[in-house]
PDB file of N, CA and C in Angstrom:
ATOM      1  N   MET A   1     -34.792  98.316  -0.529  1.00  0.00           N
ATOM      2  CA  MET A   1     -33.693  97.641  -0.056  1.00  0.00           C
ATOM      3  C   MET A   1     -32.593  98.255  -0.853  1.00  0.00           C
ATOM      4  N   ARG A   2     -31.335  98.365  -0.004  1.00  0.00           N
ATOM      5  CA  ARG A   2     -30.080  98.939  -0.730  1.00  0.00           C
ATOM      6  C   ARG A   2     -29.676  98.152  -1.714  1.00  0.00           C
ATOM      7  N   PHE A   3     -29.566  96.918  -1.763  1.00  0.00           N
ATOM      8  CA  PHE A   3     -29.084  95.777  -2.778  1.00  0.00           C
ATOM      9  C   PHE A   3     -29.973  95.952  -4.188  1.00  0.00           C
ATOM     10  N   GLU A   4     -31.163  96.075  -3.911  1.00  0.00           N
ATOM     11  CA  GLU A   4     -31.952  96.033  -4.928  1.00  0.00           C
ATOM     12  C   GLU A   4     -31.983  97.641  -5.665  1.00  0.00           C
ATOM     13  N   ASP A   5     -31.673  98.595  -5.066  1.00  0.00           N
ATOM     14  CA  ASP A   5     -31.412  99.908  -5.640  1.00  0.00           C
ATOM     15  C   ASP A   5     -30.221  99.874  -6.526  1.00  0.00           C
ATOM     16  N   VAL A   6     -28.995  99.347  -5.935  1.00  0.00           N
ATOM     17  CA  VAL A   6     -27.780  99.342  -6.566  1.00  0.00           C
ATOM     18  C   VAL A   6     -27.691  98.448  -7.689  1.00  0.00           C
ATOM     19  N   LEU A   7     -28.675  97.285  -7.516  1.00  0.00           N
ATOM     20  CA  LEU A   7     -28.675  96.531  -8.724  1.00  0.00           C
ATOM     21  C   LEU A   7     -29.298  96.978  -9.790  1.00  0.00           C
ATOM     22  N   GLY A   8     -30.590  97.662  -9.540  1.00  0.00           N
ATOM     23  CA  GLY A   8     -31.147  98.295 -10.607  1.00  0.00           C
ATOM     24  C   GLY A   8     -30.382  99.233 -11.311  1.00  0.00           C
ATOM     25  N   ARG A   9     -29.615  99.960 -10.734  1.00  0.00           N
ATOM     26  CA  ARG A   9     -28.733 101.069 -11.239  1.00  0.00           C
ATOM     27  C   ARG A   9     -27.803 100.373 -12.078  1.00  0.00           C
ATOM     28  N   SER A  10     -27.166  98.981 -11.839  1.00  0.00           N
ATOM     29  CA  SER A  10     -26.328  98.447 -12.426  1.00  0.00           C
ATOM     30  C   SER A  10     -27.038  97.755 -13.669  1.00  0.00           C
ATOM     31  N   GLU A  11     -28.189  97.455 -13.496  1.00  0.00           N
ATOM     32  CA  GLU A  11     -28.675  96.795 -14.703  1.00  0.00           C
ATOM     33  C   GLU A  11     -29.430  97.771 -15.841  1.00  0.00           C
ATOM     34  N   ARG A  12     -29.248  99.104 -15.329  1.00  0.00           N
ATOM     35  CA  ARG A  12     -29.486 100.157 -16.293  1.00  0.00           C
ATOM     36  C   ARG A  12     -28.179 100.916 -16.804  1.00  0.00           C
ATOM     37  N   SER A  13     -27.027 100.302 -16.534  1.00  0.00           N
ATOM     38  CA  SER A  13     -25.673 100.590 -16.828  1.00  0.00           C
ATOM     39  C   SER A  13     -25.339 101.950 -16.405  1.00  0.00           C
ATOM     40  N   GLU A  14     -25.930 102.422 -15.209  1.00  0.00           N
ATOM     41  CA  GLU A  14     -25.337 103.759 -14.510  1.00  0.00           C
ATOM     42  C   GLU A  14     -24.287 103.435 -13.847  1.00  0.00           C
ATOM     43  N   LEU A  15     -24.053 102.239 -13.401  1.00  0.00           N
ATOM     44  CA  LEU A  15     -22.876 101.725 -12.463  1.00  0.00           C
ATOM     45  C   LEU A  15     -22.412 100.641 -12.891  1.00  0.00           C
ATOM     46  N   SER A  16     -21.088 100.446 -12.784  1.00  0.00           N
ATOM     47  CA  SER A  16     -20.520  99.332 -13.345  1.00  0.00           C
ATOM     48  C   SER A  16     -20.596  98.201 -11.975  1.00  0.00           C
ATOM     49  N   GLN A  17     -20.328  96.933 -12.201  1.00  0.00           N
ATOM     50  CA  GLN A  17     -20.433  95.732 -11.260  1.00  0.00           C
ATOM     51  C   GLN A  17     -19.189  95.989 -10.186  1.00  0.00           C
ATOM     52  N   MET A  18     -18.081  96.480 -10.659  1.00  0.00           N
ATOM     53  CA  MET A  18     -17.417  96.915  -9.755  1.00  0.00           C
ATOM     54  C   MET A  18     -17.687  98.236  -8.505  1.00  0.00           C
ATOM     55  N   GLU A  19     -18.330  99.141  -9.234  1.00  0.00           N
ATOM     56  CA  GLU A  19     -18.709 100.271  -8.524  1.00  0.00           C
ATOM     57  C   GLU A  19     -19.728  99.948  -7.820  1.00  0.00           C
ATOM     58  N   VAL A  20     -20.693  99.133  -8.091  1.00  0.00           N
ATOM     59  CA  VAL A  20     -21.894  98.511  -7.044  1.00  0.00           C
ATOM     60  C   VAL A  20     -21.212  97.744  -6.016  1.00  0.00           C
ATOM     61  N   ALA A  21     -20.131  96.719  -6.371  1.00  0.00           N
ATOM     62  CA  ALA A  21     -19.390  96.107  -5.190  1.00  0.00           C
ATOM     63  C   ALA A  21     -18.782  96.970  -4.146  1.00  0.00           C
ATOM     64  N   GLU A  22     -18.356  97.911  -4.651  1.00  0.00           N
ATOM     65  CA  GLU A  22     -17.605  98.945  -3.945  1.00  0.00           C
ATOM     66  C   GLU A  22     -18.556  99.803  -2.923  1.00  0.00           C
ATOM     67  N   LEU A  23     -19.689  99.946  -3.378  1.00  0.00           N
ATOM     68  CA  LEU A  23     -20.810 100.692  -2.619  1.00  0.00           C
ATOM     69  C   LEU A  23     -21.177  99.781  -1.736  1.00  0.00           C
ATOM     70  N   LEU A  24     -21.379  98.454  -1.759  1.00  0.00           N
ATOM     71  CA  LEU A  24     -21.883  97.607  -0.858  1.00  0.00           C
ATOM     72  C   LEU A  24     -20.975  96.973   0.036  1.00  0.00           C
ATOM     73  N   GLY A  25     -19.647  97.142  -0.052  1.00  0.00           N
ATOM     74  CA  GLY A  25     -18.271  96.944   0.816  1.00  0.00           C
ATOM     75  C   GLY A  25     -18.220  95.377   0.436  1.00  0.00           C
ATOM     76  N   ILE A  26     -18.392  94.919  -0.662  1.00  0.00           N
ATOM     77  CA  ILE A  26     -18.131  93.457  -1.011  1.00  0.00           C
ATOM     78  C   ILE A  26     -17.310  93.401  -2.197  1.00  0.00           C
ATOM     79  N   SER A  27     -16.848  92.215  -2.422  1.00  0.00           N
ATOM     80  CA  SER A  27     -16.158  91.691  -3.837  1.00  0.00           C
ATOM     81  C   SER A  27     -16.975  91.862  -4.827  1.00  0.00           C
ATOM     82  N   GLU A  28     -16.628  91.955  -6.038  1.00  0.00           N
ATOM     83  CA  GLU A  28     -17.320  91.923  -7.413  1.00  0.00           C
ATOM     84  C   GLU A  28     -17.903  90.515  -7.655  1.00  0.00           C
ATOM     85  N   ARG A  29     -17.020  89.463  -7.140  1.00  0.00           N
ATOM     86  CA  ARG A  29     -17.506  88.014  -7.485  1.00  0.00           C
ATOM     87  C   ARG A  29     -18.806  87.744  -6.441  1.00  0.00           C
ATOM     88  N   THR A  30     -18.652  88.184  -5.165  1.00  0.00           N
ATOM     89  CA  THR A  30     -19.720  88.243  -4.309  1.00  0.00           C
ATOM     90  C   THR A  30     -21.059  89.065  -4.687  1.00  0.00           C
ATOM     91  N   PHE A  31     -20.922  90.137  -5.474  1.00  0.00           N
ATOM     92  CA  PHE A  31     -21.944  90.706  -5.994  1.00  0.00           C
ATOM     93  C   PHE A  31     -22.716  89.943  -6.995  1.00  0.00           C
ATOM     94  N   ARG A  32     -21.972  89.496  -8.012  1.00  0.00           N
ATOM     95  CA  ARG A  32     -22.535  88.652  -9.040  1.00  0.00           C
ATOM     96  C   ARG A  32     -23.224  87.294  -8.421  1.00  0.00           C
ATOM     97  N   ARG A  33     -22.647  86.935  -7.195  1.00  0.00           N
ATOM     98  CA  ARG A  33     -23.360  85.646  -6.767  1.00  0.00           C
ATOM     99  C   ARG A  33     -24.683  86.299  -6.240  1.00  0.00           C
ATOM    100  N   TRP A  34     -24.705  87.322  -5.346  1.00  0.00           N
ATOM    101  CA  TRP A  34     -25.827  87.798  -4.927  1.00  0.00           C
ATOM    102  C   TRP A  34     -26.817  88.143  -6.110  1.00  0.00           C
ATOM    103  N   ARG A  35     -26.637  88.875  -7.071  1.00  0.00           N
ATOM    104  CA  ARG A  35     -27.484  89.018  -8.286  1.00  0.00           C
ATOM    105  C   ARG A  35     -27.966  87.879  -8.779  1.00  0.00           C
ATOM    106  N   ASP A  36     -27.115  86.759  -8.907  1.00  0.00           N
ATOM    107  CA  ASP A  36     -27.882  85.691  -9.657  1.00  0.00           C
ATOM    108  C   ASP A  36     -28.764  85.009  -8.425  1.00  0.00           C
ATOM    109  N   ARG A  37     -28.665  85.212  -7.035  1.00  0.00           N
ATOM    110  CA  ARG A  37     -29.396  84.359  -6.283  1.00  0.00           C
ATOM    111  C   ARG A  37     -30.749  85.133  -6.095  1.00  0.00           C
ATOM    112  N   HIS A  38     -30.600  86.589  -6.314  1.00  0.00           N
ATOM    113  CA  HIS A  38     -31.835  87.485  -6.424  1.00  0.00           C
ATOM    114  C   HIS A  38     -32.661  87.336  -7.631  1.00  0.00           C
ATOM    115  N   ARG A  39     -32.275  86.781  -8.744  1.00  0.00           N
ATOM    116  CA  ARG A  39     -32.631  86.521  -9.942  1.00  0.00           C
ATOM    117  C   ARG A  39     -33.489  85.407  -9.722  1.00  0.00           C
ATOM    118  N   GLU A  40     -32.779  84.407  -9.264  1.00  0.00           N
ATOM    119  CA  GLU A  40     -33.456  83.249  -8.946  1.00  0.00           C
ATOM    120  C   GLU A  40     -34.699  83.148  -8.072  1.00  0.00           C
ATOM    121  N   SER A  41     -34.490  83.613  -6.929  1.00  0.00           N
ATOM    122  CA  SER A  41     -35.489  83.476  -5.834  1.00  0.00           C
ATOM    123  C   SER A  41     -35.837  84.970  -5.276  1.00  0.00           C
ATOM    124  N   GLY A  42     -35.638  86.099  -6.051  1.00  0.00           N
ATOM    125  CA  GLY A  42     -36.243  87.285  -5.397  1.00  0.00           C
ATOM    126  C   GLY A  42     -35.446  87.616  -4.141  1.00  0.00           C
ATOM    127  N   SER A  43     -36.086  88.554  -3.424  1.00  0.00           N
ATOM    128  CA  SER A  43     -35.565  88.832  -1.953  1.00  0.00           C
ATOM    129  C   SER A  43     -35.156  87.783  -1.166  1.00  0.00           C
ATOM    130  N   ALA A  44     -35.731  86.748  -1.083  1.00  0.00           N
ATOM    131  CA  ALA A  44     -35.677  85.505  -0.299  1.00  0.00           C
ATOM    132  C   ALA A  44     -34.285  85.087  -0.636  1.00  0.00           C
ATOM    133  N   GLY A  45     -33.743  84.887  -1.835  1.00  0.00           N
ATOM    134  CA  GLY A  45     -32.658  84.509  -2.185  1.00  0.00           C
ATOM    135  C   GLY A  45     -31.396  85.083  -1.431  1.00  0.00           C
ATOM    136  N   LEU A  46     -31.497  86.328  -0.961  1.00  0.00           N
ATOM    137  CA  LEU A  46     -30.648  87.106  -0.346  1.00  0.00           C
ATOM    138  C   LEU A  46     -30.515  86.731   1.301  1.00  0.00           C
ATOM    139  N   ASP A  47     -31.498  86.096   1.782  1.00  0.00           N
ATOM    140  CA  ASP A  47     -31.456  85.612   3.153  1.00  0.00           C
ATOM    141  C   ASP A  47     -30.374  84.944   3.557  1.00  0.00           C
ATOM    142  N   ASP A  48     -29.859  85.277   4.915  1.00  0.00           N
ATOM    143  CA  ASP A  48     -28.672  84.288   5.375  1.00  0.00           C
ATOM    144  C   ASP A  48     -29.021  82.998   5.436  1.00  0.00           C
ATOM    145  N   ARG A  49     -28.290  81.988   4.584  1.00  0.00           N
ATOM    146  CA  ARG A  49     -28.496  80.720   4.728  1.00  0.00           C
ATOM    147  C   ARG A  49     -27.806  79.986   5.778  1.00  0.00           C
ATOM    148  N   ARG A  50     -27.167  80.698   6.647  1.00  0.00           N
ATOM    149  CA  ARG A  50     -26.262  80.134   7.821  1.00  0.00           C
ATOM    150  C   ARG A  50     -27.200  79.780   8.908  1.00  0.00           C
ATOM    151  N   LEU A  51     -28.293  80.487   8.661  1.00  0.00           N
ATOM    152  CA  LEU A  51     -29.504  80.290   9.982  1.00  0.00           C
ATOM    153  C   LEU A  51     -29.984  78.832  10.115  1.00  0.00           C
ATOM    154  N   ALA A  52     -29.745  78.000   9.093  1.00  0.00           N
ATOM    155  CA  ALA A  52     -30.646  76.697   9.151  1.00  0.00           C
ATOM    156  C   ALA A  52     -29.652  75.899   9.929  1.00  0.00           C
ATOM    157  N   PRO A  53     -30.427  74.999  10.985  1.00  0.00           N
ATOM    158  CA  PRO A  53     -29.581  74.160  11.509  1.00  0.00           C
ATOM    159  C   PRO A  53     -29.098  72.913  10.500  1.00  0.00           C
ATOM    160  N   SER A  54     -27.808  72.442  11.025  1.00  0.00           N
ATOM    161  CA  SER A  54     -27.029  71.446  10.094  1.00  0.00           C
ATOM    162  C   SER A  54     -27.995  70.276  10.214  1.00  0.00           C
ATOM    163  N   LEU A  55     -27.945  69.726   8.872  1.00  0.00           N
ATOM    164  CA  LEU A  55     -28.499  68.359   8.740  1.00  0.00           C
ATOM    165  C   LEU A  55     -27.828  67.284   9.243  1.00  0.00           C
ATOM    166  N   ARG A  56     -26.477  67.474   9.561  1.00  0.00           N
ATOM    167  CA  ARG A  56     -25.769  66.343  10.208  1.00  0.00           C
ATOM    168  C   ARG A  56     -25.541  66.495  11.855  1.00  0.00           C
ATOM    169  N   ARG A  57     -26.424  67.583  12.273  1.00  0.00           N
ATOM    170  CA  ARG A  57     -26.364  67.531  13.861  1.00  0.00           C
ATOM    171  C   ARG A  57     -26.917  66.235  14.381  1.00  0.00           C
ATOM    172  N   ALA A  58     -26.235  65.886  15.447  1.00  0.00           N
ATOM    173  CA  ALA A  58     -26.638  64.757  16.260  1.00  0.00           C
ATOM    174  C   ALA A  58     -27.962  65.129  17.081  1.00  0.00           C
ATOM    175  N   PRO A  59     -28.821  64.200  17.220  1.00  0.00           N
ATOM    176  CA  PRO A  59     -30.053  64.222  17.999  1.00  0.00           C
ATOM    177  C   PRO A  59     -29.581  64.775  19.597  1.00  0.00           C
ATOM    178  N   VAL A  60     -30.375  65.280  20.246  1.00  0.00           N
ATOM    179  CA  VAL A  60     -29.962  65.724  21.483  1.00  0.00           C
ATOM    180  C   VAL A  60     -29.910  64.502  22.718  1.00  0.00           C
ATOM    181  N   ALA A  61     -30.859  63.665  22.298  1.00  0.00           N
ATOM    182  CA  ALA A  61     -30.734  62.337  23.186  1.00  0.00           C
ATOM    183  C   ALA A  61     -29.427  61.764  23.093  1.00  0.00           C
ATOM    184  N   GLU A  62     -28.989  61.771  21.691  1.00  0.00           N
ATOM    185  CA  GLU A  62     -27.604  60.926  21.684  1.00  0.00           C
ATOM    186  C   GLU A  62     -26.472  61.812  22.375  1.00  0.00           C
ATOM    187  N   ILE A  63     -26.247  63.006  22.209  1.00  0.00           N
ATOM    188  CA  ILE A  63     -25.421  63.759  22.799  1.00  0.00           C
ATOM    189  C   ILE A  63     -25.323  63.631  24.488  1.00  0.00           C
ATOM    190  N   GLU A  64     -26.739  63.745  24.899  1.00  0.00           N
ATOM    191  CA  GLU A  64     -26.871  63.610  26.449  1.00  0.00           C
ATOM    192  C   GLU A  64     -26.392  61.940  26.849  1.00  0.00           C
ATOM    193  N   ARG A  65     -26.663  60.898  25.904  1.00  0.00           N
ATOM    194  CA  ARG A  65     -26.130  59.627  26.188  1.00  0.00           C
ATOM    195  C   ARG A  65     -24.808  59.656  26.339  1.00  0.00           C
ATOM    196  N   MET A  66     -24.009  60.326  25.197  1.00  0.00           N
ATOM    197  CA  MET A  66     -22.497  60.261  25.194  1.00  0.00           C
ATOM    198  C   MET A  66     -21.895  61.115  26.454  1.00  0.00           C
ATOM    199  N   LEU A  67     -22.413  62.254  26.706  1.00  0.00           N
ATOM    200  CA  LEU A  67     -21.951  62.771  27.884  1.00  0.00           C
ATOM    201  C   LEU A  67     -22.122  62.076  29.381  1.00  0.00           C
ATOM    202  N   GLY A  68     -23.126  61.428  29.201  1.00  0.00           N
ATOM    203  CA  GLY A  68     -23.205  60.386  30.591  1.00  0.00           C
ATOM    204  C   GLY A  68     -22.417  59.453  30.255  1.00  0.00           C
ATOM    205  N   LEU A  69     -22.141  58.762  29.286  1.00  0.00           N
ATOM    206  CA  LEU A  69     -21.138  57.700  29.264  1.00  0.00           C
ATOM    207  C   LEU A  69     -19.650  58.278  29.628  1.00  0.00           C
ATOM    208  N   TYR A  70     -19.438  59.414  29.387  1.00  0.00           N
ATOM    209  CA  TYR A  70     -18.184  60.130  29.319  1.00  0.00           C
ATOM    210  C   TYR A  70     -18.008  60.330  31.130  1.00  0.00           C
ATOM    211  N   ARG A  71     -19.005  60.860  31.641  1.00  0.00           N
ATOM    212  CA  ARG A  71     -19.128  61.271  32.943  1.00  0.00           C
ATOM    213  C   ARG A  71     -18.990  60.104  33.743  1.00  0.00           C
ATOM    214  N   ASP A  72     -19.675  58.624  33.339  1.00  0.00           N
ATOM    215  CA  ASP A  72     -19.843  57.713  34.406  1.00  0.00           C
ATOM    216  C   ASP A  72     -18.776  56.971  34.104  1.00  0.00           C
ATOM    217  N   LEU A  73     -18.383  56.539  32.865  1.00  0.00           N
ATOM    218  CA  LEU A  73     -17.410  55.344  32.615  1.00  0.00           C
ATOM    219  C   LEU A  73     -16.170  55.877  32.223  1.00  0.00           C
ATOM    220  N   TYR A  74     -15.845  56.898  31.161  1.00  0.00           N
ATOM    221  CA  TYR A  74     -14.668  57.315  30.711  1.00  0.00           C
ATOM    222  C   TYR A  74     -13.913  58.353  31.094  1.00  0.00           C
ATOM    223  N   ARG A  75     -14.232  58.947  32.239  1.00  0.00           N
ATOM    224  CA  ARG A  75     -13.963  60.203  32.828  1.00  0.00           C
ATOM    225  C   ARG A  75     -12.401  60.308  32.487  1.00  0.00           C
ATOM    226  N   GLY A  76     -11.552  61.095  32.152  1.00  0.00           N
ATOM    227  CA  GLY A  76     -10.275  61.128  31.829  1.00  0.00           C
ATOM    228  C   GLY A  76      -9.721  60.721  30.596  1.00  0.00           C
ATOM    229  N   PHE A  77     -10.517  59.977  29.868  1.00  0.00           N
ATOM    230  CA  PHE A  77     -10.344  59.579  28.564  1.00  0.00           C
ATOM    231  C   PHE A  77      -9.963  60.694  27.594  1.00  0.00           C
ATOM    232  N   SER A  78      -8.718  60.485  26.528  1.00  0.00           N
ATOM    233  CA  SER A  78      -8.856  61.537  25.440  1.00  0.00           C
ATOM    234  C   SER A  78     -10.061  61.454  24.626  1.00  0.00           C
ATOM    235  N   VAL A  79     -10.228  62.671  23.923  1.00  0.00           N
ATOM    236  CA  VAL A  79     -11.409  62.527  22.842  1.00  0.00           C
ATOM    237  C   VAL A  79     -11.134  61.217  21.941  1.00  0.00           C
ATOM    238  N   GLN A  80      -9.703  61.004  21.479  1.00  0.00           N
ATOM    239  CA  GLN A  80      -9.729  59.820  20.631  1.00  0.00           C
ATOM    240  C   GLN A  80      -9.856  58.423  21.391  1.00  0.00           C
ATOM    241  N   HIS A  81      -9.694  58.331  22.378  1.00  0.00           N
ATOM    242  CA  HIS A  81      -9.618  56.994  23.128  1.00  0.00           C
ATOM    243  C   HIS A  81     -11.311  56.764  23.416  1.00  0.00           C
ATOM    244  N   PHE A  82     -11.843  57.727  23.812  1.00  0.00           N
ATOM    245  CA  PHE A  82     -13.185  57.998  24.172  1.00  0.00           C
ATOM    246  C   PHE A  82     -14.098  57.546  22.936  1.00  0.00           C
ATOM    247  N   HIS A  83     -13.603  58.211  21.902  1.00  0.00           N
ATOM    248  CA  HIS A  83     -14.211  57.679  20.465  1.00  0.00           C
ATOM    249  C   HIS A  83     -14.245  56.434  20.234  1.00  0.00           C
ATOM    250  N   GLU A  84     -12.916  56.015  20.324  1.00  0.00           N
ATOM    251  CA  GLU A  84     -12.700  54.287  20.069  1.00  0.00           C
ATOM    252  C   GLU A  84     -13.515  53.646  20.944  1.00  0.00           C
ATOM    253  N   GLN A  85     -13.738  53.788  22.221  1.00  0.00           N
ATOM    254  CA  GLN A  85     -14.744  53.074  23.227  1.00  0.00           C
ATOM    255  C   GLN A  85     -16.211  53.109  22.668  1.00  0.00           C
ATOM    256  N   LEU A  86     -16.419  54.249  22.103  1.00  0.00           N
ATOM    257  CA  LEU A  86     -17.811  54.618  21.894  1.00  0.00           C
ATOM    258  C   LEU A  86     -18.145  53.508  20.695  1.00  0.00           C
ATOM    259  N   LEU A  87     -17.207  53.663  19.762  1.00  0.00           N
ATOM    260  CA  LEU A  87     -17.641  52.782  18.680  1.00  0.00           C
ATOM    261  C   LEU A  87     -17.617  51.394  18.910  1.00  0.00           C
ATOM    262  N   LYS A  88     -16.421  50.632  19.767  1.00  0.00           N
ATOM    263  CA  LYS A  88     -16.356  49.334  20.146  1.00  0.00           C
ATOM    264  C   LYS A  88     -17.288  48.845  20.790  1.00  0.00           C
ATOM    265  N   ARG A  89     -17.787  49.994  21.930  1.00  0.00           N
ATOM    266  CA  ARG A  89     -18.668  49.149  22.821  1.00  0.00           C
ATOM    267  C   ARG A  89     -19.949  49.673  22.860  1.00  0.00           C
ATOM    268  N   HIS A  90     -20.343  50.844  22.599  1.00  0.00           N
ATOM    269  CA  HIS A  90     -21.584  51.253  22.459  1.00  0.00           C
ATOM    270  C   HIS A  90     -22.427  51.911  21.037  1.00  0.00           C
ATOM    271  N   ASN A  91     -21.875  51.319  20.142  1.00  0.00           N
ATOM    272  CA  ASN A  91     -22.577  51.503  18.952  1.00  0.00           C
ATOM    273  C   ASN A  91     -22.536  53.031  18.462  1.00  0.00           C
TER     274      ASN A  91
END
């Protein structure tokens, strides 16, 4: 892996952190973050963490229920007014 190669060169003092960051096309601060994550978790620490689904995501059934309410009862309402009615009348 390219990151691990340049990380090794940095740790052997062959390259500075600034030079490594430039080779990777990232900022020096980002390199230090990646280095720390690599030390803590190995190669798995470098995985893209944005791929995990959000813990705040609403269940599909709830979204379908809201869309049905909008389609059947609240067509034409603004988002704000629709939200007010959801809270007031539909829990």
